Protein backbone atom coordinates (compact mmCIF):
# COMPACT_ATOMS: atom_id res chain seq x y z
CA LEU A 1 13.06 13.78 -29.86
CA SER A 2 14.23 14.96 -26.46
CA GLN A 3 11.27 17.32 -26.02
CA TYR A 4 8.72 14.54 -26.59
CA LYS A 5 7.11 13.49 -23.32
CA PHE A 6 6.56 9.87 -24.41
CA ARG A 7 9.71 9.42 -26.50
CA ASP A 8 9.94 5.63 -26.34
CA LEU A 9 6.29 5.11 -27.32
CA THR A 10 6.68 7.57 -30.21
CA ILE A 11 9.84 5.90 -31.54
CA GLU A 12 8.25 2.45 -31.32
CA GLU A 13 5.21 3.58 -33.31
CA LEU A 14 7.33 5.29 -35.94
CA LYS A 15 9.33 2.08 -36.45
CA ASN A 16 6.11 0.17 -37.12
CA PHE A 17 4.87 2.93 -39.41
CA SER A 18 8.11 2.91 -41.46
CA LYS A 19 7.76 -0.82 -42.09
CA THR A 20 4.29 -0.31 -43.59
CA TYR A 21 5.02 2.99 -45.38
CA PRO A 22 8.77 3.04 -46.18
CA ASN A 23 8.42 5.92 -48.69
CA PHE A 24 7.81 8.52 -45.93
CA THR A 25 10.68 10.84 -44.92
CA PHE A 26 11.08 12.32 -41.42
CA SER A 27 12.41 15.69 -40.26
CA MET A 28 12.21 18.24 -37.43
CA ASN A 29 10.76 21.62 -38.41
CA THR A 30 9.12 24.62 -36.81
CA TYR A 31 5.32 24.51 -36.77
CA THR A 32 3.35 27.76 -36.38
CA PHE A 33 0.02 27.49 -34.61
CA LYS A 34 -3.01 29.70 -35.26
CA ASP A 35 -2.21 31.93 -32.29
CA GLY A 36 1.26 32.63 -33.71
CA SER A 37 3.15 30.44 -31.21
CA GLN A 38 5.81 28.13 -32.62
CA LYS A 39 7.24 24.75 -31.71
CA ASP A 40 9.82 22.37 -33.21
CA LEU A 41 7.92 19.21 -34.10
CA LEU A 42 8.67 15.91 -35.76
CA ASN A 43 6.91 15.63 -39.11
CA PHE A 44 6.91 13.18 -41.97
CA SER A 45 5.94 13.45 -45.62
CA GLY A 46 5.05 10.92 -48.27
CA THR A 47 2.27 9.71 -50.54
CA VAL A 48 -0.66 7.42 -49.88
CA PRO A 49 -2.14 5.25 -52.67
CA VAL A 50 -5.76 6.06 -53.53
CA LYS A 51 -8.01 4.41 -56.12
CA TYR A 52 -10.61 6.76 -57.59
CA GLY A 53 -11.28 5.26 -61.01
CA ASN A 54 -7.54 5.48 -61.64
CA SER A 55 -4.76 5.08 -59.08
CA TYR A 56 -3.38 8.22 -57.47
CA ASN A 57 -0.57 8.97 -55.04
CA ILE A 58 -1.82 11.68 -52.69
CA PRO A 59 0.99 13.68 -51.03
CA ILE A 60 0.48 14.35 -47.31
CA ARG A 61 2.40 15.70 -44.34
CA LEU A 62 1.79 14.77 -40.70
CA TRP A 63 3.01 16.69 -37.65
CA LEU A 64 3.35 14.91 -34.30
CA LEU A 65 2.65 16.97 -31.19
CA ASP A 66 5.07 16.58 -28.28
CA SER A 67 2.39 14.66 -26.34
CA HIS A 68 2.14 11.95 -29.03
CA PRO A 69 0.76 9.24 -29.00
CA PHE A 70 -1.81 10.64 -26.54
CA ALA A 71 -2.67 13.54 -28.87
CA PRO A 72 -3.66 13.24 -32.55
CA PRO A 73 -1.26 14.39 -35.26
CA ILE A 74 -1.91 17.50 -37.35
CA CYS A 75 -2.48 16.38 -40.94
CA PHE A 76 -2.19 18.31 -44.21
CA LEU A 77 -2.28 17.63 -47.90
CA LYS A 78 0.96 18.68 -49.56
CA PRO A 79 -0.09 19.63 -53.11
CA THR A 80 2.50 20.40 -55.76
CA ALA A 81 2.20 23.49 -57.96
CA ASN A 82 0.12 21.62 -60.54
CA MET A 83 -2.40 20.33 -57.99
CA GLY A 84 -5.49 22.06 -56.67
CA ILE A 85 -7.26 21.30 -53.37
CA SER A 86 -10.86 20.07 -53.59
CA VAL A 87 -12.50 21.45 -50.46
CA GLY A 88 -14.86 18.86 -48.99
CA LYS A 89 -16.04 17.07 -45.86
CA HIS A 90 -12.53 16.02 -44.86
CA VAL A 91 -10.31 18.76 -46.31
CA ASP A 92 -10.45 22.56 -45.89
CA ALA A 93 -9.16 25.27 -48.20
CA ARG A 94 -5.71 25.24 -46.56
CA GLY A 95 -5.35 21.48 -47.12
CA ARG A 96 -5.90 20.63 -43.43
CA ILE A 97 -7.27 17.09 -43.13
CA TYR A 98 -10.15 16.29 -40.76
CA LEU A 99 -11.14 12.69 -39.99
CA PRO A 100 -13.35 11.01 -37.36
CA SER A 101 -10.36 9.19 -35.87
CA LEU A 102 -8.54 12.50 -35.32
CA GLN A 103 -11.61 13.79 -33.51
CA ASN A 104 -11.85 10.65 -31.35
CA TRP A 105 -8.13 9.93 -30.93
CA SER A 106 -7.39 7.58 -28.02
CA HIS A 107 -4.12 5.71 -27.32
CA PRO A 108 -3.46 2.77 -27.69
CA LYS A 109 -6.53 2.15 -29.86
CA SER A 110 -5.60 4.97 -32.27
CA THR A 111 -2.45 4.51 -34.36
CA LEU A 112 -0.74 6.25 -37.26
CA ILE A 113 -1.17 3.19 -39.47
CA GLY A 114 -4.90 3.11 -38.69
CA LEU A 115 -5.12 6.82 -39.42
CA ILE A 116 -3.57 6.39 -42.88
CA LYS A 117 -5.96 3.53 -43.66
CA GLU A 118 -8.94 5.71 -42.77
CA MET A 119 -7.48 8.57 -44.78
CA ILE A 120 -7.18 6.36 -47.87
CA ALA A 121 -10.77 5.14 -47.42
CA LYS A 122 -12.14 8.70 -47.15
CA PHE A 123 -10.07 9.97 -50.09
CA GLU A 124 -11.42 7.10 -52.22
CA GLU A 125 -14.91 8.42 -51.51
CA GLU A 126 -13.98 12.03 -52.27
CA LEU A 127 -10.68 12.72 -54.05
CA PRO A 128 -9.00 15.67 -52.25
CA LEU A 129 -6.83 16.95 -55.10
CA TYR A 130 -7.19 17.62 -58.81
CA SER A 131 -4.80 18.51 -61.60
CA VAL A 132 -4.58 22.09 -62.91
CA SER A 133 -3.22 23.11 -66.31
CA SER A 134 0.40 24.14 -66.68
CA SER A 135 -0.56 27.78 -67.40
CA ASP A 136 -2.70 27.92 -64.27
CA ALA A 137 0.10 26.32 -62.27
CA ALA A 138 2.61 28.89 -63.48
CA ARG A 139 0.32 31.77 -62.61
CA GLN A 140 -0.39 30.39 -59.14
CA SER A 141 3.13 29.31 -58.20
CA GLU A 142 3.98 32.47 -56.25
CA LEU A 143 0.66 32.40 -54.38
CA LEU A 144 0.96 28.71 -53.61
CA SER A 145 4.32 29.26 -52.00
CA TYR A 146 2.66 31.53 -49.44
CA ILE A 147 -0.03 28.95 -48.73
CA ALA A 148 2.54 26.16 -48.45
CA LYS A 149 4.41 28.12 -45.78
CA ILE A 150 1.22 28.71 -43.85
CA THR A 151 -0.15 25.17 -43.99
CA GLU A 152 3.18 23.54 -43.28
CA GLY A 153 3.87 25.72 -40.28
CA GLU A 154 6.92 27.42 -41.73
CA THR A 155 5.61 30.99 -41.78
CA ASP A 156 8.23 33.55 -40.90
CA LEU A 157 6.46 35.81 -38.41
CA LYS A 158 9.24 38.40 -38.48
CA SER A 159 7.54 40.26 -41.32
CA ARG A 160 4.34 40.31 -39.31
CA THR A 161 5.93 41.73 -36.18
CA LYS A 162 7.94 44.17 -38.26
CA THR A 163 4.74 46.08 -39.06
CA GLY A 164 4.42 46.69 -35.33
CA ASP A 165 2.63 44.77 -32.63
CA LYS A 166 -1.06 44.81 -33.47
CA ASN A 167 -0.30 47.14 -36.38
CA GLU A 168 1.25 49.94 -34.39
CA GLY A 169 -1.92 50.56 -32.44
CA CYS A 170 -4.15 50.99 -35.48
CA ILE A 171 -7.81 50.68 -34.60
CA ASN A 172 -9.28 50.34 -38.08
CA LYS A 173 -7.15 48.64 -40.71
CA ILE A 174 -8.27 47.37 -44.11
CA THR A 175 -6.45 45.46 -46.82
CA VAL A 176 -7.18 45.76 -50.52
CA VAL A 177 -6.05 42.71 -52.48
CA GLY A 178 -5.12 43.49 -56.08
CA ALA A 179 -3.28 46.53 -57.48
CA GLY A 180 -5.20 46.93 -60.72
CA ASP A 181 -7.34 49.96 -61.54
CA LEU A 182 -10.14 48.80 -59.22
CA GLY A 183 -7.80 48.08 -56.31
CA ILE A 184 -6.13 51.47 -56.57
CA ALA A 185 -9.54 53.16 -56.91
CA CYS A 186 -10.63 51.47 -53.66
CA VAL A 187 -7.48 52.60 -51.84
CA LEU A 188 -7.91 56.23 -53.00
CA ALA A 189 -11.63 56.28 -52.17
CA VAL A 190 -11.05 54.85 -48.68
CA ALA A 191 -8.22 57.34 -48.11
CA ALA A 192 -10.31 60.27 -49.41
CA LYS A 193 -13.24 59.43 -47.11
CA ASP A 194 -10.84 58.90 -44.16
CA VAL A 195 -12.52 55.58 -43.43
CA ALA A 196 -9.55 53.66 -41.99
CA ASP A 197 -6.48 54.35 -39.87
CA LYS A 198 -4.36 52.24 -42.19
CA VAL A 199 -4.81 50.78 -45.68
CA VAL A 200 -2.63 47.99 -47.04
CA LEU A 201 -2.57 47.41 -50.79
CA LEU A 202 -1.47 43.85 -51.58
CA ASP A 203 0.17 43.95 -55.00
CA LEU A 204 0.33 40.34 -56.22
CA SER A 205 1.67 41.17 -59.68
CA GLU A 206 5.13 40.03 -60.66
CA GLY A 207 8.15 42.30 -60.61
CA ALA A 208 8.68 45.68 -59.01
CA ALA A 209 6.00 48.31 -58.39
CA LYS A 210 4.70 49.81 -61.62
CA GLY A 211 1.89 51.99 -62.90
CA GLY A 212 -0.57 53.05 -60.24
CA THR A 213 1.29 51.47 -57.33
CA MET A 214 4.43 53.38 -58.24
CA ASP A 215 2.40 56.61 -58.31
CA LEU A 216 0.98 55.83 -54.86
CA GLU A 217 4.54 55.49 -53.57
CA ILE A 218 5.76 58.62 -55.36
CA PHE A 219 3.01 60.84 -53.97
CA ALA A 220 2.96 59.13 -50.54
CA VAL A 221 -0.77 58.84 -49.85
CA PRO A 222 -1.06 59.02 -46.03
CA ASN A 223 -1.54 55.78 -44.09
CA VAL A 224 -1.24 53.61 -47.22
CA GLU A 225 1.26 50.73 -47.32
CA ILE A 226 2.03 48.74 -50.46
CA SER A 227 3.25 45.18 -49.98
CA LYS A 228 3.64 41.87 -51.77
CA ASP A 229 3.63 39.90 -48.51
CA PHE A 230 0.34 38.53 -47.16
CA SER A 231 1.62 39.04 -43.61
CA ALA A 232 1.25 42.82 -44.12
CA SER A 233 -2.52 42.28 -44.04
CA ALA A 234 -2.44 40.87 -40.50
CA ASP A 235 -5.34 41.86 -38.22
CA SER A 236 -7.31 43.71 -40.89
CA LYS A 237 -10.94 44.35 -40.02
CA VAL A 238 -12.01 44.39 -43.67
CA VAL A 239 -10.29 42.65 -46.59
CA VAL A 240 -11.42 43.87 -50.03
CA LEU A 241 -10.94 41.45 -52.94
CA THR A 242 -10.50 43.22 -56.30
CA VAL A 243 -8.31 40.74 -58.20
CA ASN A 244 -9.40 39.30 -61.53
CA SER A 245 -7.41 36.76 -63.53
CA LEU A 246 -5.99 37.96 -66.83
CA GLY A 247 -5.52 34.45 -68.24
CA ASN A 248 -6.18 33.39 -71.82
CA ALA A 249 -9.57 31.88 -71.05
CA GLN A 250 -11.78 31.20 -74.07
CA THR A 251 -15.22 30.82 -72.51
CA TYR A 252 -17.16 32.57 -69.74
CA LEU A 253 -16.84 29.46 -67.59
CA ASP A 254 -13.07 29.42 -68.19
CA VAL A 255 -12.82 33.06 -67.09
CA ILE A 256 -14.61 32.31 -63.83
CA GLN A 257 -12.63 29.12 -63.22
CA SER A 258 -9.44 31.12 -63.73
CA ASN A 259 -10.62 33.54 -61.01
CA VAL A 260 -11.50 30.62 -58.73
CA ASP A 261 -7.99 29.21 -59.18
CA LEU A 262 -6.56 32.61 -58.27
CA PHE A 263 -8.74 32.87 -55.16
CA ARG A 264 -7.66 29.38 -54.06
CA GLY A 265 -4.24 30.86 -53.38
CA ILE A 266 -5.43 34.15 -51.87
CA ILE A 267 -8.40 33.49 -49.58
CA PRO A 268 -6.73 30.97 -47.21
CA ALA A 269 -3.78 33.35 -46.79
CA VAL A 270 -5.75 36.49 -45.96
CA SER A 271 -8.10 34.43 -43.76
CA HIS A 272 -5.10 33.07 -41.86
CA TYR A 273 -3.73 36.53 -41.08
CA SER A 274 -7.09 38.22 -40.38
CA GLN A 275 -9.31 35.55 -38.86
CA ASP A 276 -11.97 38.00 -37.64
CA ALA A 277 -12.14 40.13 -40.78
CA VAL A 278 -15.12 40.84 -43.01
CA LEU A 279 -14.35 39.77 -46.59
CA LEU A 280 -15.75 42.28 -49.09
CA VAL A 281 -15.68 40.90 -52.64
CA ALA A 282 -15.54 43.19 -55.66
CA SER A 283 -14.08 40.69 -58.14
CA TYR A 284 -16.06 39.52 -61.16
CA PRO A 285 -18.65 37.95 -61.25
CA VAL A 286 -19.39 39.19 -57.75
CA GLU A 287 -22.10 36.63 -56.85
CA VAL A 288 -19.98 33.61 -57.75
CA MET A 289 -16.72 34.98 -56.32
CA THR A 290 -18.45 35.84 -53.03
CA PHE A 291 -19.67 32.23 -52.85
CA VAL A 292 -16.13 31.01 -53.61
CA SER A 293 -14.68 33.28 -50.91
CA TRP A 294 -17.18 31.94 -48.38
CA LYS A 295 -16.32 28.33 -49.19
CA LEU A 296 -12.55 28.83 -49.22
CA SER A 297 -12.41 30.93 -46.06
CA SER A 298 -14.79 28.84 -43.91
CA PHE A 299 -15.92 32.18 -42.44
CA PRO A 300 -19.53 32.53 -41.27
CA LYS A 301 -21.88 33.79 -44.00
CA SER A 302 -22.34 37.11 -42.19
CA ARG A 303 -18.65 37.98 -42.69
CA VAL A 304 -18.45 37.30 -46.43
CA ILE A 305 -20.30 39.80 -48.60
CA GLY A 306 -20.09 41.11 -52.15
CA VAL A 307 -20.36 44.74 -53.29
CA GLY A 308 -23.48 43.58 -55.15
CA ALA A 309 -25.96 46.31 -56.12
CA ASN A 310 -24.90 48.87 -53.52
CA LEU A 311 -23.82 51.35 -56.19
CA ASP A 312 -27.01 50.81 -58.23
CA SER A 313 -29.19 51.25 -55.14
CA GLU A 314 -27.43 54.45 -54.06
CA ARG A 315 -27.84 55.85 -57.56
CA LEU A 316 -31.52 54.91 -57.68
CA GLN A 317 -32.21 56.52 -54.31
CA TYR A 318 -30.26 59.64 -55.32
CA VAL A 319 -32.31 60.12 -58.50
CA LEU A 320 -35.61 59.54 -56.68
CA ARG A 321 -34.68 61.89 -53.85
CA ASN A 322 -32.89 64.72 -55.68
CA LEU A 323 -34.07 64.70 -59.29
CA LEU A 324 -37.61 63.38 -59.00
CA LYS A 325 -38.23 64.81 -55.51
CA ALA A 326 -39.68 61.51 -54.28
CA GLU A 327 -38.11 61.51 -50.83
CA VAL A 328 -40.65 59.11 -49.33
CA LEU A 329 -40.09 56.53 -52.05
CA ALA A 330 -36.30 56.87 -52.11
CA LYS A 331 -35.67 55.42 -48.65
CA ASP A 332 -37.50 52.19 -49.49
CA ALA A 333 -36.20 51.66 -53.06
CA TRP A 334 -33.52 49.05 -53.75
CA VAL A 335 -31.80 47.35 -56.65
CA ILE A 336 -31.46 43.66 -55.81
CA GLY A 337 -30.62 40.27 -57.33
CA GLU A 338 -27.88 39.55 -59.83
CA GLN A 339 -25.45 42.15 -61.17
CA GLY A 340 -25.91 43.11 -64.81
CA GLU A 341 -29.08 43.04 -66.88
CA ASP A 342 -30.86 40.64 -64.52
CA LYS A 343 -30.93 43.03 -61.56
CA VAL A 344 -34.37 44.25 -60.48
CA SER A 345 -35.78 47.09 -58.40
CA SER A 346 -37.77 46.32 -55.27
CA TRP A 347 -39.12 47.90 -52.08
CA THR A 348 -38.69 47.14 -48.41
CA SER A 349 -41.91 48.71 -47.14
CA CYS A 350 -45.21 50.12 -48.31
CA ASN A 351 -47.42 52.81 -46.86
CA VAL A 352 -50.57 51.36 -45.32
CA VAL A 353 -53.67 52.58 -47.22
CA ALA A 354 -57.32 52.34 -46.47
CA ASN A 355 -58.41 49.88 -49.13
CA GLN A 356 -57.24 47.72 -52.01
CA THR A 357 -58.12 50.32 -54.65
CA GLU A 358 -55.93 52.93 -52.96
CA ALA A 359 -53.16 50.37 -52.54
CA MET A 360 -53.22 49.59 -56.26
CA ALA A 361 -53.12 53.27 -57.16
CA ALA A 362 -50.21 53.88 -54.78
CA CYS A 363 -48.23 50.98 -56.23
CA ASN A 364 -48.89 52.13 -59.83
CA SER A 365 -47.74 55.65 -58.96
CA ARG A 366 -44.64 54.28 -57.29
CA GLU A 367 -43.78 52.08 -60.26
CA LYS A 368 -44.08 55.03 -62.66
CA VAL A 369 -41.64 57.09 -60.61
CA ALA A 370 -39.26 54.12 -60.32
CA ASN A 371 -39.35 53.57 -64.09
CA ARG A 372 -38.51 57.24 -64.67
CA ALA A 373 -35.56 56.89 -62.29
CA VAL A 374 -34.32 53.80 -64.13
CA GLU A 375 -34.52 55.70 -67.44
CA VAL A 376 -32.36 58.49 -65.98
CA LEU A 377 -29.77 55.92 -64.88
CA LYS A 378 -29.53 54.08 -68.20
CA GLY A 379 -26.07 54.15 -69.74
CA LYS A 380 -24.32 55.04 -66.51
CA GLY A 381 -21.84 52.18 -66.29
CA GLN A 382 -19.78 51.15 -63.29
CA ARG A 383 -16.27 52.50 -63.67
CA SER A 384 -13.42 51.61 -61.35
CA TRP A 385 -13.60 54.86 -59.43
CA SER A 386 -17.37 54.60 -58.92
CA VAL A 387 -17.04 51.03 -57.61
CA GLY A 388 -14.18 52.25 -55.41
CA LEU A 389 -16.47 54.87 -53.87
CA SER A 390 -19.09 52.17 -53.27
CA VAL A 391 -16.46 49.99 -51.53
CA ALA A 392 -15.47 52.95 -49.34
CA ASP A 393 -19.15 53.46 -48.46
CA LEU A 394 -19.56 49.81 -47.43
CA THR A 395 -16.28 49.77 -45.52
CA ASP A 396 -17.32 52.91 -43.64
CA SER A 397 -20.58 51.25 -42.51
CA ILE A 398 -18.72 48.13 -41.37
CA LEU A 399 -15.81 49.76 -39.53
CA LYS A 400 -17.96 52.38 -37.80
CA ASN A 401 -20.76 49.92 -37.02
CA LYS A 402 -23.30 52.29 -38.58
CA ARG A 403 -26.04 49.65 -38.90
CA LYS A 404 -26.92 51.23 -42.23
CA VAL A 405 -28.89 49.30 -44.86
CA HIS A 406 -27.05 48.41 -48.09
CA SER A 407 -27.92 46.16 -51.01
CA VAL A 408 -25.03 43.68 -50.90
CA SER A 409 -24.41 40.13 -52.10
CA THR A 410 -25.30 37.80 -49.26
CA LEU A 411 -26.26 34.15 -48.91
CA ALA A 412 -29.82 34.09 -50.28
CA LYS A 413 -30.73 30.55 -49.26
CA GLY A 414 -34.07 30.60 -47.44
CA CYS A 415 -35.14 33.91 -48.97
CA CYS A 416 -37.86 34.02 -51.66
CA ASN A 417 -38.07 30.19 -51.68
CA ILE A 418 -34.44 29.89 -52.80
CA ASN A 419 -33.03 26.53 -51.66
CA SER A 420 -29.52 26.60 -53.14
CA GLU A 421 -26.34 28.15 -51.72
CA VAL A 422 -26.09 31.24 -53.90
CA PHE A 423 -25.27 34.86 -53.17
CA LEU A 424 -27.61 37.59 -54.40
CA SER A 425 -27.87 41.29 -53.65
CA LEU A 426 -30.43 41.93 -50.92
CA PRO A 427 -30.94 44.83 -48.47
CA CYS A 428 -28.90 44.10 -45.34
CA ILE A 429 -28.00 45.99 -42.17
CA LEU A 430 -24.20 46.19 -41.94
CA GLY A 431 -21.98 46.53 -38.88
CA THR A 432 -18.60 45.43 -37.55
CA SER A 433 -19.53 41.76 -37.88
CA GLY A 434 -20.70 42.16 -41.48
CA VAL A 435 -24.35 41.39 -42.15
CA ILE A 436 -26.31 41.90 -38.94
CA GLU A 437 -29.75 41.34 -40.40
CA MET A 438 -31.48 40.98 -43.77
CA VAL A 439 -34.25 43.54 -44.36
CA ARG A 440 -37.62 42.12 -45.36
CA LEU A 441 -38.72 42.79 -48.94
CA GLU A 442 -42.25 43.27 -50.18
CA GLU A 443 -43.79 40.10 -51.50
CA ASP A 444 -43.88 40.83 -55.20
CA PRO A 445 -44.37 37.61 -57.28
CA LEU A 446 -42.54 39.08 -60.29
CA VAL A 447 -39.52 40.06 -58.18
CA GLN A 448 -39.43 36.67 -56.47
CA GLU A 449 -39.60 34.92 -59.84
CA LYS A 450 -36.66 37.01 -61.09
CA LEU A 451 -34.60 36.22 -57.98
CA GLN A 452 -35.36 32.50 -58.27
CA SER A 453 -34.35 32.54 -61.94
CA SER A 454 -31.04 34.26 -61.10
CA ALA A 455 -30.43 31.82 -58.24
CA GLY A 456 -31.00 28.87 -60.57
CA SER A 457 -28.59 30.08 -63.26
CA ILE A 458 -25.89 31.02 -60.72
CA HIS A 459 -26.22 27.65 -58.96
CA ASN A 460 -25.90 25.80 -62.29
CA LEU A 461 -22.75 27.79 -63.06
CA GLN A 462 -21.25 27.08 -59.62
CA GLN A 463 -21.88 23.35 -60.09
CA GLN A 464 -19.53 23.40 -63.10
CA LEU A 465 -16.66 25.00 -61.20
CA LYS A 466 -13.79 23.13 -59.57
CA LEU A 467 -13.46 24.40 -56.03
């Protein structure tokens, strides 16, 4: 404890703490701060008893800064592989614990024993951990090890600096998470359109490179790096999420929960390494997984978007403009709402006409052309390569700050009388900070009713998930 400025006070408090909580163990370890700086700090781990219906022992770890007891400790949950973190008022996605007493820490009034008592009281109001199944735990174990290193301050920054300080001078870097067909399609589309200076493909599958990733290595696509280490994603401007769980889920809800469990290990890690990135979600179902990414990352809503109906909108505008020769209509036509059968076409502006009769005629004419366009598009599914091109299109608008309008999944609360926190596809202006502004839609009662219905069903689904 030689580096501690108030060594005697710290030792005295730790003696009192050990009498009350003898199960805690103490050690000196290296803690890594958000800015990458490191310091050897005293830390102690143990469990605190919590009653929440049943009795639980919640594992925690506390780090004492070298100015203790005049500075509050840094507190984390320490979940095992079969535990999941319940993000709430007092716990974030990385397991960092936030309490009023930490915010208002003042020696000698504030003590470690008092802190633990408050922690127990808050955890009894809102349990911070839950149990996951053994199959989920096995699938997440590798990902959890990354998160454990980050939250416990044991991250080895050598791998980060090995990629070169600030990524060898790269201006525009993106990371694609997931090396399935969709992930590889995104990498190839971004490379083909020359959108980024560097693309990192995070392959989270077990074992050595295989399939598509092996082919990427064999044919050496320029400026593409394949890695299994989250640190390779450091300082990305856009992080594209393409992963989908391949678990043995039986129901639709189980499938989504399996994806949520997967994201619980991924989002905090990529957010840690690229704290100013825009998260672009292409995983299924895009509305729910964009919401999950927003909650787990704690990023502002503008920097978490889903691919949404961008592909559908671009197709609709293409057909109107090139096949039906309706150039004027094409620029205002959008596909919005929920992906799948519940999506709906809408318009962002309307030509001003002299009277109501002419307005009605104009709208009827417009609807007929739109219906013809929709008929042309029927049966054209979204394949991996087509979604990859859509991702490259969105990434291009973000990295180059084009301020172009896209129909993307964004937080819809406050739009069309939607009061719940759900993500729906809506026309948005995109730039380097993600969503710059939402474009106003025409007030069509039928469209608003459809959006409200989608919002309601998505919100009900999200309420059943364990975040």
